[in-house]
């Protein structure tokens, strides 16, 4: 299920485009800071697709906050963050609790 067609990142709306044809054999996704588009290539396994989306979101965050890092480090960071979030759902819930009553923010 791909419910995302856009994301708000650093106060700006970014379009999410799915099943984009890759420009090269080793490309899984792309972030365009000019058009504010995140593109995820077709033919990826579900977790690969999710990690690619997170990878491109991190590019968007880096671009919007002027904190970009080299692609090799960015790639390793996004894989590690994806695994940490995927394997720790209680962490994700905790991060978005709203106040002391434990209510999750929508």
PDB file of N, CA and C in Angstrom:
ATOM      1  N   UNK A   1       0.845  -1.181   0.000  1.00  0.00           N
ATOM      2  CA  UNK A   1       0.000   0.000   0.000  1.00  0.00           C
ATOM      3  C   UNK A   1       0.888   1.242   0.000  1.00  0.00           C
ATOM      4  N   UNK A   2       0.585   2.154  -0.889  1.00  0.00           N
ATOM      5  CA  UNK A   2       1.344   3.395  -1.019  1.00  0.00           C
ATOM      6  C   UNK A   2       0.414   4.586  -0.822  1.00  0.00           C
ATOM      7  N   UNK A   3       0.138   4.935   0.411  1.00  0.00           N
ATOM      8  CA  UNK A   3      -0.811   6.019   0.659  1.00  0.00           C
ATOM      9  C   UNK A   3      -0.216   7.409   0.446  1.00  0.00           C
ATOM     10  N   UNK A   4       1.088   7.494   0.280  1.00  0.00           N
ATOM     11  CA  UNK A   4       1.745   8.797   0.240  1.00  0.00           C
ATOM     12  C   UNK A   4       1.806   9.356  -1.176  1.00  0.00           C
ATOM     13  N   UNK A   5       1.253  10.544  -1.367  1.00  0.00           N
ATOM     14  CA  UNK A   5       1.423  11.257  -2.626  1.00  0.00           C
ATOM     15  C   UNK A   5       2.193  12.552  -2.402  1.00  0.00           C
ATOM     16  N   UNK A   6       2.285  12.949  -1.132  1.00  0.00           N
ATOM     17  CA  UNK A   6       3.090  14.115  -0.787  1.00  0.00           C
ATOM     18  C   UNK A   6       3.479  14.035   0.684  1.00  0.00           C
ATOM     19  N   UNK A   7       4.539  14.738   1.006  1.00  0.00           N
ATOM     20  CA  UNK A   7       5.043  14.800   2.371  1.00  0.00           C
ATOM     21  C   UNK A   7       5.400  16.243   2.697  1.00  0.00           C
ATOM     22  N   UNK A   8       5.199  16.640   3.945  1.00  0.00           N
ATOM     23  CA  UNK A   8       5.649  17.956   4.396  1.00  0.00           C
ATOM     24  C   UNK A   8       7.012  17.742   5.062  1.00  0.00           C
ATOM     25  N   UNK A   9       8.018  18.384   4.497  1.00  0.00           N
ATOM     26  CA  UNK A   9       9.383  18.241   4.990  1.00  0.00           C
ATOM     27  C   UNK A   9       9.957  19.637   5.193  1.00  0.00           C
ATOM     28  N   UNK A  10      10.348  19.929   6.416  1.00  0.00           N
ATOM     29  CA  UNK A  10      10.924  21.233   6.764  1.00  0.00           C
ATOM     30  C   UNK A  10      10.023  22.378   6.298  1.00  0.00           C
ATOM     31  N   UNK A  11       8.724  22.187   6.465  1.00  0.00           N
ATOM     32  CA  UNK A  11       7.761  23.236   6.147  1.00  0.00           C
ATOM     33  C   UNK A  11       7.374  23.359   4.693  1.00  0.00           C
ATOM     34  N   UNK A  12       7.877  22.483   3.837  1.00  0.00           N
ATOM     35  CA  UNK A  12       7.551  22.551   2.409  1.00  0.00           C
ATOM     36  C   UNK A  12       6.917  21.246   1.956  1.00  0.00           C
ATOM     37  N   UNK A  13       5.935  21.351   1.062  1.00  0.00           N
ATOM     38  CA  UNK A  13       5.255  20.179   0.521  1.00  0.00           C
ATOM     39  C   UNK A  13       6.101  19.578  -0.597  1.00  0.00           C
ATOM     40  N   UNK A  14       6.363  18.282  -0.495  1.00  0.00           N
ATOM     41  CA  UNK A  14       7.140  17.544  -1.486  1.00  0.00           C
ATOM     42  C   UNK A  14       6.243  16.476  -2.112  1.00  0.00           C
ATOM     43  N   UNK A  15       6.193  16.424  -3.422  1.00  0.00           N
ATOM     44  CA  UNK A  15       5.426  15.390  -4.121  1.00  0.00           C
ATOM     45  C   UNK A  15       6.189  14.071  -4.059  1.00  0.00           C
ATOM     46  N   UNK A  16       5.448  12.971  -3.930  1.00  0.00           N
ATOM     47  CA  UNK A  16       6.045  11.635  -3.966  1.00  0.00           C
ATOM     48  C   UNK A  16       5.528  10.944  -5.217  1.00  0.00           C
ATOM     49  N   UNK A  17       6.453  10.526  -6.064  1.00  0.00           N
ATOM     50  CA  UNK A  17       6.108   9.863  -7.318  1.00  0.00           C
ATOM     51  C   UNK A  17       6.600   8.423  -7.252  1.00  0.00           C
ATOM     52  N   UNK A  18       5.718   7.491  -7.563  1.00  0.00           N
ATOM     53  CA  UNK A  18       6.012   6.058  -7.463  1.00  0.00           C
ATOM     54  C   UNK A  18       6.210   5.453  -8.849  1.00  0.00           C
ATOM     55  N   UNK A  19       6.919   4.328  -8.890  1.00  0.00           N
ATOM     56  CA  UNK A  19       7.104   3.532 -10.110  1.00  0.00           C
ATOM     57  C   UNK A  19       7.753   4.308 -11.246  1.00  0.00           C
ATOM     58  N   UNK A  20       8.708   5.146 -10.872  1.00  0.00           N
ATOM     59  CA  UNK A  20       9.460   5.915 -11.857  1.00  0.00           C
ATOM     60  C   UNK A  20      10.479   4.985 -12.510  1.00  0.00           C
ATOM     61  N   UNK A  21      10.683   5.151 -13.790  1.00  0.00           N
ATOM     62  CA  UNK A  21      11.691   4.359 -14.494  1.00  0.00           C
ATOM     63  C   UNK A  21      13.071   4.830 -14.056  1.00  0.00           C
ATOM     64  N   UNK A  22      13.933   3.899 -13.601  1.00  0.00           N
ATOM     65  CA  UNK A  22      15.270   4.308 -13.148  1.00  0.00           C
ATOM     66  C   UNK A  22      16.123   4.854 -14.291  1.00  0.00           C
ATOM     67  N   UNK A  23      16.918   5.878 -13.991  1.00  0.00           N
ATOM     68  CA  UNK A  23      17.814   6.462 -14.994  1.00  0.00           C
ATOM     69  C   UNK A  23      19.016   5.560 -15.260  1.00  0.00           C
ATOM     70  N   UNK A  24      19.371   4.746 -14.264  1.00  0.00           N
ATOM     71  CA  UNK A  24      20.488   3.811 -14.426  1.00  0.00           C
ATOM     72  C   UNK A  24      20.169   2.534 -13.659  1.00  0.00           C
ATOM     73  N   UNK A  25      20.957   1.506 -13.886  1.00  0.00           N
ATOM     74  CA  UNK A  25      20.727   0.196 -13.282  1.00  0.00           C
ATOM     75  C   UNK A  25      20.802   0.239 -11.755  1.00  0.00           C
ATOM     76  N   UNK A  26      21.641   1.098 -11.208  1.00  0.00           N
ATOM     77  CA  UNK A  26      21.845   1.153  -9.760  1.00  0.00           C
ATOM     78  C   UNK A  26      21.028   2.249  -9.078  1.00  0.00           C
ATOM     79  N   UNK A  27      20.079   2.842  -9.765  1.00  0.00           N
ATOM     80  CA  UNK A  27      19.280   3.907  -9.168  1.00  0.00           C
ATOM     81  C   UNK A  27      17.968   3.338  -8.633  1.00  0.00           C
ATOM     82  N   UNK A  28      17.652   3.684  -7.396  1.00  0.00           N
ATOM     83  CA  UNK A  28      16.407   3.227  -6.762  1.00  0.00           C
ATOM     84  C   UNK A  28      15.442   4.381  -6.542  1.00  0.00           C
ATOM     85  N   UNK A  29      15.957   5.584  -6.457  1.00  0.00           N
ATOM     86  CA  UNK A  29      15.121   6.744  -6.231  1.00  0.00           C
ATOM     87  C   UNK A  29      15.896   8.013  -6.484  1.00  0.00           C
ATOM     88  N   UNK A  30      15.196   9.134  -6.340  1.00  0.00           N
ATOM     89  CA  UNK A  30      15.833  10.417  -6.610  1.00  0.00           C
ATOM     90  C   UNK A  30      15.074  11.506  -5.858  1.00  0.00           C
ATOM     91  N   UNK A  31      15.809  12.503  -5.406  1.00  0.00           N
ATOM     92  CA  UNK A  31      15.202  13.696  -4.819  1.00  0.00           C
ATOM     93  C   UNK A  31      15.600  14.888  -5.673  1.00  0.00           C
ATOM     94  N   UNK A  32      14.631  15.713  -6.037  1.00  0.00           N
ATOM     95  CA  UNK A  32      14.916  16.925  -6.807  1.00  0.00           C
ATOM     96  C   UNK A  32      14.606  18.139  -5.947  1.00  0.00           C
ATOM     97  N   UNK A  33      15.634  18.876  -5.508  1.00  0.00           N
ATOM     98  CA  UNK A  33      15.406  20.043  -4.657  1.00  0.00           C
ATOM     99  C   UNK A  33      14.754  21.216  -5.388  1.00  0.00           C
ATOM    100  N   UNK A  34      14.819  21.230  -6.699  1.00  0.00           N
ATOM    101  CA  UNK A  34      14.220  22.323  -7.477  1.00  0.00           C
ATOM    102  C   UNK A  34      12.703  22.158  -7.556  1.00  0.00           C
ATOM    103  N   UNK A  35      12.252  20.931  -7.886  1.00  0.00           N
ATOM    104  CA  UNK A  35      10.816  20.681  -8.036  1.00  0.00           C
ATOM    105  C   UNK A  35      10.174  20.156  -6.751  1.00  0.00           C
ATOM    106  N   UNK A  36      11.007  19.868  -5.730  1.00  0.00           N
ATOM    107  CA  UNK A  36      10.547  19.282  -4.469  1.00  0.00           C
ATOM    108  C   UNK A  36       9.801  17.979  -4.719  1.00  0.00           C
ATOM    109  N   UNK A  37      10.414  17.126  -5.539  1.00  0.00           N
ATOM    110  CA  UNK A  37       9.843  15.820  -5.840  1.00  0.00           C
ATOM    111  C   UNK A  37      10.751  14.714  -5.324  1.00  0.00           C
ATOM    112  N   UNK A  38      10.098  13.705  -4.754  1.00  0.00           N
ATOM    113  CA  UNK A  38      10.765  12.473  -4.368  1.00  0.00           C
ATOM    114  C   UNK A  38      10.261  11.404  -5.324  1.00  0.00           C
ATOM    115  N   UNK A  39      11.182  10.729  -5.987  1.00  0.00           N
ATOM    116  CA  UNK A  39      10.811   9.709  -6.973  1.00  0.00           C
ATOM    117  C   UNK A  39      11.346   8.358  -6.504  1.00  0.00           C
ATOM    118  N   UNK A  40      10.475   7.360  -6.525  1.00  0.00           N
ATOM    119  CA  UNK A  40      10.859   6.003  -6.142  1.00  0.00           C
ATOM    120  C   UNK A  40      10.687   5.115  -7.366  1.00  0.00           C
ATOM    121  N   UNK A  41      11.745   4.406  -7.720  1.00  0.00           N
ATOM    122  CA  UNK A  41      11.743   3.600  -8.941  1.00  0.00           C
ATOM    123  C   UNK A  41      10.885   2.345  -8.805  1.00  0.00           C
ATOM    124  N   UNK A  42      10.471   1.837  -9.934  1.00  0.00           N
ATOM    125  CA  UNK A  42       9.672   0.615  -9.982  1.00  0.00           C
ATOM    126  C   UNK A  42      10.558  -0.607  -9.815  1.00  0.00           C
ATOM    127  N   UNK A  43       9.922  -1.733  -9.500  1.00  0.00           N
ATOM    128  CA  UNK A  43      10.616  -3.014  -9.459  1.00  0.00           C
ATOM    129  C   UNK A  43      11.363  -3.310  -8.172  1.00  0.00           C
ATOM    130  N   UNK A  44      11.121  -2.573  -7.116  1.00  0.00           N
ATOM    131  CA  UNK A  44      11.810  -2.798  -5.854  1.00  0.00           C
ATOM    132  C   UNK A  44      10.999  -3.717  -4.945  1.00  0.00           C
ATOM    133  N   UNK A  45      11.688  -4.486  -4.137  1.00  0.00           N
ATOM    134  CA  UNK A  45      11.024  -5.285  -3.104  1.00  0.00           C
ATOM    135  C   UNK A  45      10.424  -4.325  -2.081  1.00  0.00           C
ATOM    136  N   UNK A  46       9.374  -4.743  -1.333  1.00  0.00           N
ATOM    137  CA  UNK A  46       8.705  -3.826  -0.402  1.00  0.00           C
ATOM    138  C   UNK A  46       9.638  -3.096   0.571  1.00  0.00           C
ATOM    139  N   UNK A  47      10.530  -3.799   1.257  1.00  0.00           N
ATOM    140  CA  UNK A  47      11.432  -3.125   2.194  1.00  0.00           C
ATOM    141  C   UNK A  47      12.437  -2.231   1.465  1.00  0.00           C
ATOM    142  N   UNK A  48      12.853  -2.645   0.285  1.00  0.00           N
ATOM    143  CA  UNK A  48      13.775  -1.843  -0.516  1.00  0.00           C
ATOM    144  C   UNK A  48      13.087  -0.531  -0.932  1.00  0.00           C
ATOM    145  N   UNK A  49      11.808  -0.634  -1.276  1.00  0.00           N
ATOM    146  CA  UNK A  49      11.035   0.540  -1.649  1.00  0.00           C
ATOM    147  C   UNK A  49      10.885   1.488  -0.461  1.00  0.00           C
ATOM    148  N   UNK A  50      10.599   0.946   0.705  1.00  0.00           N
ATOM    149  CA  UNK A  50      10.436   1.766   1.906  1.00  0.00           C
ATOM    150  C   UNK A  50      11.746   2.447   2.302  1.00  0.00           C
ATOM    151  N   UNK A  51      12.831   1.694   2.264  1.00  0.00           N
ATOM    152  CA  UNK A  51      14.130   2.268   2.611  1.00  0.00           C
ATOM    153  C   UNK A  51      14.511   3.338   1.600  1.00  0.00           C
ATOM    154  N   UNK A  52      14.183   3.123   0.327  1.00  0.00           N
ATOM    155  CA  UNK A  52      14.466   4.129  -0.703  1.00  0.00           C
ATOM    156  C   UNK A  52      13.695   5.409  -0.434  1.00  0.00           C
ATOM    157  N   UNK A  53      12.420   5.274  -0.067  1.00  0.00           N
ATOM    158  CA  UNK A  53      11.624   6.464   0.272  1.00  0.00           C
ATOM    159  C   UNK A  53      12.272   7.207   1.438  1.00  0.00           C
ATOM    160  N   UNK A  54      12.660   6.487   2.482  1.00  0.00           N
ATOM    161  CA  UNK A  54      13.306   7.124   3.629  1.00  0.00           C
ATOM    162  C   UNK A  54      14.616   7.784   3.205  1.00  0.00           C
ATOM    163  N   UNK A  55      15.385   7.118   2.372  1.00  0.00           N
ATOM    164  CA  UNK A  55      16.644   7.656   1.859  1.00  0.00           C
ATOM    165  C   UNK A  55      16.407   9.000   1.162  1.00  0.00           C
ATOM    166  N   UNK A  56      15.403   9.051   0.309  1.00  0.00           N
ATOM    167  CA  UNK A  56      15.114  10.288  -0.416  1.00  0.00           C
ATOM    168  C   UNK A  56      14.546  11.365   0.510  1.00  0.00           C
ATOM    169  N   UNK A  57      13.766  10.956   1.513  1.00  0.00           N
ATOM    170  CA  UNK A  57      13.283  11.912   2.518  1.00  0.00           C
ATOM    171  C   UNK A  57      14.473  12.536   3.245  1.00  0.00           C
ATOM    172  N   UNK A  58      15.465  11.726   3.569  1.00  0.00           N
ATOM    173  CA  UNK A  58      16.656  12.259   4.242  1.00  0.00           C
ATOM    174  C   UNK A  58      17.412  13.234   3.341  1.00  0.00           C
ATOM    175  N   UNK A  59      17.438  12.965   2.031  1.00  0.00           N
ATOM    176  CA  UNK A  59      18.029  13.940   1.102  1.00  0.00           C
ATOM    177  C   UNK A  59      17.255  15.256   1.161  1.00  0.00           C
ATOM    178  N   UNK A  60      15.924  15.153   1.209  1.00  0.00           N
ATOM    179  CA  UNK A  60      15.094  16.365   1.278  1.00  0.00           C
ATOM    180  C   UNK A  60      15.357  17.136   2.565  1.00  0.00           C
ATOM    181  N   UNK A  61      15.431  16.430   3.679  1.00  0.00           N
ATOM    182  CA  UNK A  61      15.722  17.082   4.964  1.00  0.00           C
ATOM    183  C   UNK A  61      17.091  17.762   4.891  1.00  0.00           C
ATOM    184  N   UNK A  62      18.070  17.056   4.370  1.00  0.00           N
ATOM    185  CA  UNK A  62      19.416  17.619   4.264  1.00  0.00           C
ATOM    186  C   UNK A  62      19.426  18.865   3.387  1.00  0.00           C
ATOM    187  N   UNK A  63      18.733  18.814   2.263  1.00  0.00           N
ATOM    188  CA  UNK A  63      18.699  19.967   1.357  1.00  0.00           C
ATOM    189  C   UNK A  63      17.981  21.149   1.999  1.00  0.00           C
ATOM    190  N   UNK A  64      16.873  20.875   2.674  1.00  0.00           N
ATOM    191  CA  UNK A  64      16.090  21.953   3.278  1.00  0.00           C
ATOM    192  C   UNK A  64      16.774  22.563   4.498  1.00  0.00           C
ATOM    193  N   UNK A  65      17.675  21.816   5.117  1.00  0.00           N
ATOM    194  CA  UNK A  65      18.369  22.318   6.306  1.00  0.00           C
ATOM    195  C   UNK A  65      19.845  22.611   6.032  1.00  0.00           C
ATOM    196  N   UNK A  66      20.242  22.520   4.762  1.00  0.00           N
ATOM    197  CA  UNK A  66      21.612  22.797   4.342  1.00  0.00           C
ATOM    198  C   UNK A  66      22.622  21.971   5.140  1.00  0.00           C
ATOM    199  N   UNK A  67      22.339  20.687   5.301  1.00  0.00           N
ATOM    200  CA  UNK A  67      23.222  19.796   6.055  1.00  0.00           C
ATOM    201  C   UNK A  67      23.520  18.516   5.282  1.00  0.00           C
ATOM    202  N   UNK A  68      23.701  18.637   3.992  1.00  0.00           N
ATOM    203  CA  UNK A  68      23.918  17.444   3.171  1.00  0.00           C
ATOM    204  C   UNK A  68      25.236  16.766   3.525  1.00  0.00           C
ATOM    205  N   UNK A  69      25.307  15.468   3.248  1.00  0.00           N
ATOM    206  CA  UNK A  69      26.511  14.681   3.483  1.00  0.00           C
ATOM    207  C   UNK A  69      26.806  13.878   2.217  1.00  0.00           C
ATOM    208  N   UNK A  70      28.003  13.332   2.089  1.00  0.00           N
ATOM    209  CA  UNK A  70      28.340  12.531   0.910  1.00  0.00           C
ATOM    210  C   UNK A  70      27.359  11.361   0.737  1.00  0.00           C
ATOM    211  N   UNK A  71      27.081  10.999  -0.503  1.00  0.00           N
ATOM    212  CA  UNK A  71      26.098   9.957  -0.816  1.00  0.00           C
ATOM    213  C   UNK A  71      26.417   8.627  -0.132  1.00  0.00           C
ATOM    214  N   UNK A  72      27.665   8.237  -0.077  1.00  0.00           N
ATOM    215  CA  UNK A  72      28.020   6.951   0.548  1.00  0.00           C
ATOM    216  C   UNK A  72      27.614   6.938   2.026  1.00  0.00           C
ATOM    217  N   UNK A  73      27.896   8.001   2.732  1.00  0.00           N
ATOM    218  CA  UNK A  73      27.501   8.072   4.140  1.00  0.00           C
ATOM    219  C   UNK A  73      25.989   8.188   4.272  1.00  0.00           C
ATOM    220  N   UNK A  74      25.382   8.947   3.393  1.00  0.00           N
ATOM    221  CA  UNK A  74      23.929   9.120   3.404  1.00  0.00           C
ATOM    222  C   UNK A  74      23.232   7.773   3.211  1.00  0.00           C
ATOM    223  N   UNK A  75      23.750   6.973   2.289  1.00  0.00           N
ATOM    224  CA  UNK A  75      23.168   5.652   2.027  1.00  0.00           C
ATOM    225  C   UNK A  75      23.247   4.744   3.235  1.00  0.00           C
ATOM    226  N   UNK A  76      24.395   4.691   3.872  1.00  0.00           N
ATOM    227  CA  UNK A  76      24.551   3.842   5.059  1.00  0.00           C
ATOM    228  C   UNK A  76      23.677   4.340   6.205  1.00  0.00           C
ATOM    229  N   UNK A  77      23.579   5.649   6.353  1.00  0.00           N
ATOM    230  CA  UNK A  77      22.761   6.232   7.412  1.00  0.00           C
ATOM    231  C   UNK A  77      21.287   5.894   7.213  1.00  0.00           C
ATOM    232  N   UNK A  78      20.797   6.018   5.985  1.00  0.00           N
ATOM    233  CA  UNK A  78      19.379   5.741   5.736  1.00  0.00           C
ATOM    234  C   UNK A  78      19.051   4.272   5.948  1.00  0.00           C
ATOM    235  N   UNK A  79      19.953   3.372   5.582  1.00  0.00           N
ATOM    236  CA  UNK A  79      19.727   1.942   5.823  1.00  0.00           C
ATOM    237  C   UNK A  79      19.680   1.669   7.322  1.00  0.00           C
ATOM    238  N   UNK A  80      20.605   2.242   8.074  1.00  0.00           N
ATOM    239  CA  UNK A  80      20.628   2.044   9.521  1.00  0.00           C
ATOM    240  C   UNK A  80      19.403   2.614  10.201  1.00  0.00           C
ATOM    241  N   UNK A  81      18.978   3.803   9.783  1.00  0.00           N
ATOM    242  CA  UNK A  81      17.784   4.414  10.374  1.00  0.00           C
ATOM    243  C   UNK A  81      16.544   3.603  10.033  1.00  0.00           C
ATOM    244  N   UNK A  82      16.426   3.148   8.799  1.00  0.00           N
ATOM    245  CA  UNK A  82      15.275   2.328   8.403  1.00  0.00           C
ATOM    246  C   UNK A  82      15.199   1.075   9.262  1.00  0.00           C
ATOM    247  N   UNK A  83      16.313   0.398   9.436  1.00  0.00           N
ATOM    248  CA  UNK A  83      16.333  -0.825  10.248  1.00  0.00           C
ATOM    249  C   UNK A  83      15.986  -0.523  11.702  1.00  0.00           C
ATOM    250  N   UNK A  84      16.488   0.584  12.241  1.00  0.00           N
ATOM    251  CA  UNK A  84      16.178   0.944  13.626  1.00  0.00           C
ATOM    252  C   UNK A  84      14.685   1.209  13.798  1.00  0.00           C
ATOM    253  N   UNK A  85      14.074   1.901  12.861  1.00  0.00           N
ATOM    254  CA  UNK A  85      12.643   2.192  12.949  1.00  0.00           C
ATOM    255  C   UNK A  85      11.800   0.943  12.727  1.00  0.00           C
ATOM    256  N   UNK A  86      12.184   0.139  11.742  1.00  0.00           N
ATOM    257  CA  UNK A  86      11.419  -1.073  11.424  1.00  0.00           C
ATOM    258  C   UNK A  86      11.463  -2.078  12.571  1.00  0.00           C
ATOM    259  N   UNK A  87      12.603  -2.236  13.187  1.00  0.00           N
ATOM    260  CA  UNK A  87      12.775  -3.252  14.219  1.00  0.00           C
ATOM    261  C   UNK A  87      12.399  -2.777  15.620  1.00  0.00           C
ATOM    262  N   UNK A  88      11.981  -1.542  15.737  1.00  0.00           N
ATOM    263  CA  UNK A  88      11.619  -0.979  17.039  1.00  0.00           C
ATOM    264  C   UNK A  88      10.323  -0.171  16.939  1.00  0.00           C
ATOM    265  N   UNK A  89       9.196  -0.835  16.671  1.00  0.00           N
ATOM    266  CA  UNK A  89       7.947  -0.090  16.514  1.00  0.00           C
ATOM    267  C   UNK A  89       7.549   0.683  17.772  1.00  0.00           C
ATOM    268  N   UNK A  90       7.958   0.218  18.940  1.00  0.00           N
ATOM    269  CA  UNK A  90       7.647   0.968  20.155  1.00  0.00           C
ATOM    270  C   UNK A  90       8.396   2.294  20.178  1.00  0.00           C
ATOM    271  N   UNK A  91       9.567   2.350  19.582  1.00  0.00           N
ATOM    272  CA  UNK A  91      10.303   3.605  19.468  1.00  0.00           C
ATOM    273  C   UNK A  91       9.506   4.593  18.626  1.00  0.00           C
ATOM    274  N   UNK A  92       8.995   4.132  17.499  1.00  0.00           N
ATOM    275  CA  UNK A  92       8.224   5.001  16.615  1.00  0.00           C
ATOM    276  C   UNK A  92       6.985   5.512  17.345  1.00  0.00           C
ATOM    277  N   UNK A  93       6.280   4.639  18.050  1.00  0.00           N
ATOM    278  CA  UNK A  93       5.103   5.063  18.814  1.00  0.00           C
ATOM    279  C   UNK A  93       5.487   6.084  19.882  1.00  0.00           C
ATOM    280  N   UNK A  94       6.568   5.811  20.600  1.00  0.00           N
ATOM    281  CA  UNK A  94       7.018   6.716  21.656  1.00  0.00           C
ATOM    282  C   UNK A  94       7.353   8.105  21.109  1.00  0.00           C
ATOM    283  N   UNK A  95       8.012   8.156  19.968  1.00  0.00           N
ATOM    284  CA  UNK A  95       8.411   9.434  19.390  1.00  0.00           C
ATOM    285  C   UNK A  95       7.221  10.330  19.077  1.00  0.00           C
ATOM    286  N   UNK A  96       6.047   9.709  18.840  1.00  0.00           N
ATOM    287  CA  UNK A  96       4.886  10.488  18.439  1.00  0.00           C
ATOM    288  C   UNK A  96       3.770  10.494  19.468  1.00  0.00           C
ATOM    289  N   UNK A  97       4.087  10.133  20.709  1.00  0.00           N
ATOM    290  CA  UNK A  97       3.127  10.280  21.801  1.00  0.00           C
ATOM    291  C   UNK A  97       2.881  11.758  22.030  1.00  0.00           C
ATOM    292  N   UNK A  98       1.664  12.071  22.375  1.00  0.00           N
ATOM    293  CA  UNK A  98       1.305  13.456  22.622  1.00  0.00           C
ATOM    294  C   UNK A  98       1.027  13.645  24.102  1.00  0.00           C
ATOM    295  N   UNK A  99       2.011  14.073  24.824  1.00  0.00           N
ATOM    296  CA  UNK A  99       1.820  14.354  26.240  1.00  0.00           C
ATOM    297  C   UNK A  99       1.952  13.124  27.130  1.00  0.00           C
ATOM    298  N   UNK A 100       1.599  13.307  28.374  1.00  0.00           N
ATOM    299  CA  UNK A 100       1.804  12.274  29.385  1.00  0.00           C
ATOM    300  C   UNK A 100       0.799  11.143  29.319  1.00  0.00           C
ATOM    301  N   UNK A 101      -0.336  11.350  28.633  1.00  0.00           N
ATOM    302  CA  UNK A 101      -1.355  10.300  28.607  1.00  0.00           C
ATOM    303  C   UNK A 101      -1.035   9.207  27.593  1.00  0.00           C
ATOM    304  N   UNK A 102       0.015   9.379  26.782  1.00  0.00           N
ATOM    305  CA  UNK A 102       0.414   8.349  25.831  1.00  0.00           C
ATOM    306  C   UNK A 102      -0.391   8.332  24.557  1.00  0.00           C
ATOM    307  N   UNK A 103      -1.226   9.329  24.323  1.00  0.00           N
ATOM    308  CA  UNK A 103      -2.017   9.396  23.107  1.00  0.00           C
ATOM    309  C   UNK A 103      -1.096   9.615  21.917  1.00  0.00           C
ATOM    310  N   UNK A 104      -1.294   8.850  20.861  1.00  0.00           N
ATOM    311  CA  UNK A 104      -0.474   8.964  19.657  1.00  0.00           C
ATOM    312  C   UNK A 104      -1.035  10.078  18.794  1.00  0.00           C
ATOM    313  N   UNK A 105      -0.145  10.939  18.300  1.00  0.00           N
ATOM    314  CA  UNK A 105      -0.520  12.039  17.431  1.00  0.00           C
ATOM    315  C   UNK A 105      -0.758  11.496  16.024  1.00  0.00           C
ATOM    316  N   UNK A 106      -1.841  11.935  15.379  1.00  0.00           N
ATOM    317  CA  UNK A 106      -2.104  11.531  13.976  1.00  0.00           C
ATOM    318  C   UNK A 106      -1.234  12.301  13.027  1.00  0.00           C
TER     319      UNK A 106
END
